[in-house]
C-alpha cells in the first residue's frame, strides 16, 4: 500500500525501466537472503525480512510494468483491449453445451 504509489511516481519521473530494474533487483536480493538463511528448523521470524524485501520489489515491478504498458498505447487506443477480447467470437469447447 505504500510502495505502489511511490513506484508509480518514480516511474513517471525516472521512467519505467529504472523501476523495473530496481524491483527485480530487490526481488533477487530478497530471494538470495531467503536462500542463505533457510535451513531445517529455522524460525519464521528470521525469514520475514527477506519476504518484506521481495514483496517491495514485486510491488515496484508490477506498478512500473503497468505504467509502462499503458504509456505504450496511443491515448485514444487506451482501454480497448478488454472490450475487444470480450467481443471475440466464442468457439464451443470440449465440455460446453451445444
Protein backbone atom coordinates (compact mmCIF):
# COMPACT_ATOMS: atom_id res chain seq x y z
CA UNK A 1 0.00 0.00 0.00
CA UNK A 2 2.97 2.28 0.46
CA UNK A 3 5.29 1.02 -2.26
CA UNK A 4 2.94 1.10 -5.27
CA UNK A 5 2.17 4.85 -5.24
CA UNK A 6 5.83 5.70 -4.68
CA UNK A 7 6.86 3.36 -7.51
CA UNK A 8 4.24 4.93 -9.78
CA UNK A 9 5.53 8.42 -9.06
CA UNK A 10 9.11 7.33 -9.60
CA UNK A 11 8.27 5.58 -12.87
CA UNK A 12 6.59 8.78 -14.05
CA UNK A 13 9.69 10.78 -13.18
CA UNK A 14 12.54 8.36 -13.99
CA UNK A 15 10.94 6.02 -16.49
CA UNK A 16 9.53 2.53 -16.15
CA UNK A 17 12.84 0.81 -16.92
CA UNK A 18 14.53 2.16 -13.81
CA UNK A 19 11.71 0.98 -11.54
CA UNK A 20 11.56 -2.38 -13.29
CA UNK A 21 15.27 -2.93 -12.75
CA UNK A 22 15.16 -1.86 -9.11
CA UNK A 23 12.09 -4.05 -8.47
CA UNK A 24 13.80 -7.07 -9.99
CA UNK A 25 16.95 -6.29 -8.03
CA UNK A 26 15.02 -6.14 -4.75
CA UNK A 27 13.31 -9.42 -5.57
CA UNK A 28 16.67 -11.07 -6.30
CA UNK A 29 18.11 -9.68 -3.06
CA UNK A 30 15.15 -11.00 -1.05
CA UNK A 31 15.36 -14.44 -2.65
CA UNK A 32 19.12 -14.61 -2.11
CA UNK A 33 18.66 -13.66 1.54
CA UNK A 34 15.94 -16.29 1.88
CA UNK A 35 18.18 -18.94 0.33
CA UNK A 36 21.09 -18.01 2.60
CA UNK A 37 19.04 -18.12 5.80
CA UNK A 38 16.76 -21.08 5.13
CA UNK A 39 17.70 -24.39 6.70
CA UNK A 40 15.91 -27.13 8.59
CA UNK A 41 14.33 -25.82 11.77
CA UNK A 42 14.72 -22.10 11.02
CA UNK A 43 12.20 -19.82 12.69
CA UNK A 44 9.71 -17.74 10.75
CA UNK A 45 10.95 -14.51 12.31
CA UNK A 46 14.32 -14.81 10.57
CA UNK A 47 12.57 -15.10 7.17
CA UNK A 48 10.28 -12.08 7.49
CA UNK A 49 12.92 -9.59 6.31
CA UNK A 50 13.50 -11.45 3.07
CA UNK A 51 9.75 -11.70 2.47
CA UNK A 52 9.34 -7.95 3.01
CA UNK A 53 12.16 -7.07 0.61
CA UNK A 54 10.82 -9.46 -2.03
CA UNK A 55 7.33 -8.01 -1.61
CA UNK A 56 8.58 -4.45 -2.01
CA UNK A 57 10.38 -5.49 -5.19
CA UNK A 58 7.27 -7.21 -6.51
CA UNK A 59 5.04 -4.18 -5.94
CA UNK A 60 7.58 -1.85 -7.55
CA UNK A 61 7.90 -4.19 -10.51
CA UNK A 62 4.15 -4.60 -11.06
CA UNK A 63 3.36 -0.90 -10.76
CA UNK A 64 6.13 0.14 -13.13
CA UNK A 65 5.17 -2.56 -15.64
CA UNK A 66 1.57 -1.39 -15.65
CA UNK A 67 2.58 2.25 -16.03
CA UNK A 68 4.94 1.43 -18.88
CA UNK A 69 2.44 -0.78 -20.69
CA UNK A 70 -0.24 1.90 -20.51
CA UNK A 71 2.08 4.55 -21.94
CA UNK A 72 2.98 2.40 -24.94
CA UNK A 73 -0.53 2.70 -26.37
CA UNK A 74 -1.73 5.82 -28.10
CA UNK A 75 -4.06 7.91 -25.90
CA UNK A 76 -7.17 7.27 -28.00
CA UNK A 77 -6.49 3.48 -28.02
CA UNK A 78 -6.03 3.08 -24.25
CA UNK A 79 -8.56 0.84 -22.55
CA UNK A 80 -9.71 -1.02 -25.67
CA UNK A 81 -8.01 -4.35 -25.05
CA UNK A 82 -10.57 -5.88 -22.70
CA UNK A 83 -13.52 -4.81 -24.81
CA UNK A 84 -12.04 -6.36 -27.93
CA UNK A 85 -11.30 -9.60 -26.12
CA UNK A 86 -14.89 -9.87 -24.89
CA UNK A 87 -16.27 -9.22 -28.36
CA UNK A 88 -14.18 -12.02 -29.88
CA UNK A 89 -16.42 -14.83 -31.19
CA UNK A 90 -16.60 -17.79 -28.83
CA UNK A 91 -15.94 -21.24 -30.12
CA UNK A 92 -17.52 -24.16 -28.29
CA UNK A 93 -15.04 -26.20 -26.33
CA UNK A 94 -14.99 -29.86 -25.44
CA UNK A 95 -17.21 -29.65 -22.36
CA UNK A 96 -19.64 -26.91 -23.39
CA UNK A 97 -23.31 -27.48 -24.19
CA UNK A 98 -24.23 -27.05 -27.83
